[in-house]
C-alpha atoms as a PDB file:
ATOM      1  CA  MET A   1     104.512 165.697-114.475  1.00  0.00           C
ATOM      2  CA  LYS A   2     101.283 166.917-116.030  1.00  0.00           C
ATOM      3  CA  ILE A   3      99.695 165.453-119.132  1.00  0.00           C
ATOM      4  CA  VAL A   4      97.120 167.685-120.799  1.00  0.00           C
ATOM      5  CA  PRO A   5      94.067 165.982-122.365  1.00  0.00           C
ATOM      6  CA  HIS A   6      93.237 166.640-125.997  1.00  0.00           C
ATOM      7  CA  ALA A   7      90.731 169.391-126.834  1.00  0.00           C
ATOM      8  CA  GLY A   8      87.816 166.965-127.254  1.00  0.00           C
ATOM      9  CA  ALA A   9      88.114 165.425-123.782  1.00  0.00           C
ATOM     10  CA  ALA A  10      85.016 165.617-121.595  1.00  0.00           C
ATOM     11  CA  GLY A  11      85.773 167.781-118.587  1.00  0.00           C
ATOM     12  CA  ASN A  12      82.527 168.192-116.652  1.00  0.00           C
ATOM     13  CA  ASP A  13      80.873 164.819-117.189  1.00  0.00           C
ATOM     14  CA  SER A  14      80.213 163.402-113.712  1.00  0.00           C
ATOM     15  CA  THR A  15      80.406 159.850-115.080  1.00  0.00           C
ATOM     16  CA  SER A  16      83.870 160.367-116.566  1.00  0.00           C
ATOM     17  CA  HIS A  17      86.906 158.620-115.149  1.00  0.00           C
ATOM     18  CA  PRO A  18      88.685 160.699-112.458  1.00  0.00           C
ATOM     19  CA  SER A  19      91.927 160.577-114.401  1.00  0.00           C
ATOM     20  CA  ILE A  20      90.294 162.355-117.343  1.00  0.00           C
ATOM     21  CA  ASP A  21      89.213 165.231-115.118  1.00  0.00           C
ATOM     22  CA  ASP A  22      92.601 165.459-113.367  1.00  0.00           C
ATOM     23  CA  PRO A  23      95.335 164.312-115.762  1.00  0.00           C
ATOM     24  CA  VAL A  24      98.222 164.897-113.330  1.00  0.00           C
ATOM     25  CA  MET A  25     100.512 161.871-113.074  1.00  0.00           C
ATOM     26  CA  LEU A  26     102.645 160.856-110.071  1.00  0.00           C
ATOM     27  CA  ARG A  27     105.831 158.800-109.929  1.00  0.00           C
ATOM     28  CA  VAL A  28     106.424 156.282-107.155  1.00  0.00           C
ATOM     29  CA  ASP A  29     108.809 158.627-105.291  1.00  0.00           C
ATOM     30  CA  GLU A  30     106.135 161.331-105.235  1.00  0.00           C
ATOM     31  CA  ILE A  31     103.560 158.906-103.820  1.00  0.00           C
ATOM     32  CA  VAL A  32     105.999 157.638-101.179  1.00  0.00           C
ATOM     33  CA  LYS A  33     106.847 161.184-100.079  1.00  0.00           C
ATOM     34  CA  ARG A  34     103.316 162.619-100.214  1.00  0.00           C
ATOM     35  CA  TYR A  35     101.534 159.777 -98.393  1.00  0.00           C
ATOM     36  CA  LYS A  36     104.402 158.535 -96.208  1.00  0.00           C
ATOM     37  CA  VAL A  37     104.078 154.954 -97.405  1.00  0.00           C
ATOM     38  CA  SER A  38     107.121 152.803 -98.154  1.00  0.00           C
ATOM     39  CA  ARG A  39     107.941 151.758-101.689  1.00  0.00           C
ATOM     40  CA  SER A  40     107.772 148.068-100.705  1.00  0.00           C
ATOM     41  CA  LYS A  41     104.341 148.548 -99.078  1.00  0.00           C
ATOM     42  CA  LEU A  42     103.079 150.336-102.190  1.00  0.00           C
ATOM     43  CA  TYR A  43     104.197 147.528-104.507  1.00  0.00           C
ATOM     44  CA  ARG A  44     102.754 144.924-102.117  1.00  0.00           C
ATOM     45  CA  LEU A  45      99.375 146.704-102.297  1.00  0.00           C
ATOM     46  CA  ILE A  46      99.584 146.664-106.104  1.00  0.00           C
ATOM     47  CA  LYS A  47     100.466 142.966-106.124  1.00  0.00           C
ATOM     48  CA  ASN A  48      97.488 142.196-103.863  1.00  0.00           C
ATOM     49  CA  GLY A  49      95.144 144.203-106.100  1.00  0.00           C
ATOM     50  CA  GLU A  50      94.465 146.796-103.394  1.00  0.00           C
ATOM     51  CA  PHE A  51      96.126 149.792-105.093  1.00  0.00           C
ATOM     52  CA  PRO A  52      95.687 151.002-108.691  1.00  0.00           C
ATOM     53  CA  LYS A  53      98.141 149.470-111.147  1.00  0.00           C
ATOM     54  CA  PRO A  54     100.647 151.875-112.658  1.00  0.00           C
ATOM     55  CA  ILE A  55     100.720 153.018-116.235  1.00  0.00           C
ATOM     56  CA  LYS A  56     104.087 152.106-117.674  1.00  0.00           C
ATOM     57  CA  CYS A  57     105.918 154.683-119.761  1.00  0.00           C
ATOM     58  CA  GLY A  58     109.074 152.871-120.758  1.00  0.00           C
ATOM     59  CA  ARG A  59     110.723 151.951-117.463  1.00  0.00           C
ATOM     60  CA  ILE A  60     108.792 154.582-115.503  1.00  0.00           C
ATOM     61  CA  SER A  61     105.672 153.737-113.486  1.00  0.00           C
ATOM     62  CA  LEU A  62     103.052 156.489-113.343  1.00  0.00           C
ATOM     63  CA  TRP A  63      99.741 156.804-111.521  1.00  0.00           C
ATOM     64  CA  TYR A  64      96.907 159.267-112.024  1.00  0.00           C
ATOM     65  CA  LYS A  65      96.927 161.614-109.028  1.00  0.00           C
ATOM     66  CA  ALA A  66      93.117 161.502-108.805  1.00  0.00           C
ATOM     67  CA  GLU A  67      93.168 157.699-108.425  1.00  0.00           C
ATOM     68  CA  VAL A  68      95.888 157.826-105.783  1.00  0.00           C
ATOM     69  CA  ASP A  69      94.071 160.597-103.894  1.00  0.00           C
ATOM     70  CA  ALA A  70      90.829 158.586-104.011  1.00  0.00           C
ATOM     71  CA  TYR A  71      92.570 155.464-102.704  1.00  0.00           C
ATOM     72  CA  PHE A  72      94.136 157.233 -99.722  1.00  0.00           C
ATOM     73  CA  ALA A  73      90.986 159.272 -99.007  1.00  0.00           C
ATOM     74  CA  ASN A  74      89.129 156.012 -98.379  1.00  0.00           C
ATOM     75  CA  LEU A  75      91.605 154.828 -95.728  1.00  0.00           C
ATOM     76  CA  PRO A  76      90.721 155.635 -92.092  1.00  0.00           C
ATOM     77  CA  ARG A  77      94.320 156.705 -91.429  1.00  0.00           C
ATOM     78  CA  PHE A  78      94.126 159.477 -94.031  1.00  0.00           C
ATOM     79  CA  ASN A  79      90.624 160.900 -93.718  1.00  0.00           C
ATOM     80  CA  GLY A  80      90.556 161.852 -90.100  1.00  0.00           C
END
């Protein structure tokens, strides 16, 4: 799922939020598959405040790909 920002969105501002620069959204199943983390572990991390909270769209939970990538990039297990 890709959400395109409106025409006035800042694209090259280094102080902008990562989700503005990369508006791709991920569902929980995509995160589980891509990063090989269980659904229960993911929701436990959210509950403990260690993982970004989802954006709710009706009953669907979505995360900005840039935020998820940044989270996993900072874990020793994922960055080499």
